[in-house]
Amino acid sequence: MFPIGPPAVAVKSFALVIIPFCTHPHPSLSPSVVPKRSNTIRSHYPFPVQPIAHIENCYASKFGVPRQSGIVEVESRIVFEPEYRVAEAVRGLEEFDYVWLVWLFSEAQREGWSPTVRPPRLGGNRRMGVFATRSPFRPNAIGLSSVRLVSVKVEPLLGPVLTVSGADLMDGTPLLDIKPYLPYTDSHPQARSGFAPEPATHLLEVHCEEARLSLVEASQRQALIEVLAHDPRPQYHHDPQRRYGMTFGSHEIHFVVDGDQLIVTAIDGV
């Protein structure tokens, strides 16, 4: 198991207050097109939201986190906040193979919002509507990921702990909800996918001296190779002279990329 932070990481500072309609609409909207709140919505406003859990894994920084869930099969633990450490709350969850994680982009907070963003998939040069992308910079910085459920266990101090595989979340990310994945309604393999019709299948060939790789815990080595093979660089970076570094577990990984070759130049402790 990879190193993780303290088991009772506090994430209360990420509590949300969901506002049904934008109090301060984007300047491009004229008053005539700003929707009015209905009496029903107003009577229930605001909606408080609290994190129910946080995730623990080897993605210590944003650089290196997979761009989508399910791309790299790195295992993560989901630890519930103290008031939700109730075994009955996950009763029956072990009967599902996949779950949805609803979470907060806690490291991508910005003041205000923009109606368009530059998706990395398009090279960072073309703007698309924010709601046509999975950009973290949204009016409400909420993420959604489908992950494979590996196990559901009850630990003496932490209560129910979930192990999942394929998450695209940083270590410590607060979770707002967990829901079971239902293939008959959640899977639409024939659906159109806009500007991202196919996954990025091109993988880099990773070169790392055995002596360097042995510095990484044995349980993390294959996961590290997979993360590097999927090219953690911004998709518009192609400079073979540029040196990169990313934190993976308790190590700082340094590398360069030349064409299809990724060469690990150093692995240091952090």
Foldseek 3Di string as FASTA:
>chain_A
DFDWDPLQDDDQVPKDWDQPADPDDDPVDDPVPGDDDDPVSVVCPIDIFGFFWWKIFFQADLQLQDPAFPQFWGKIKIFTHPVNLDQVVCVPVVVFFKKKWKFFPPVDDDPDADQWAQDLLNVRPDIDGPVLDQDCGDPGRIHMHMWTWDDWDQDPPRHTMTMTTRDRDHGGTTTRDMGGDDCVPNDDLVDANPPPRDDPPQWADEDEDPVQLVVDPPVCSVSVNSSVRVPSDRNNDADQPDKDWGGTRQWIWIWGDHPRYIYTDHIGGD
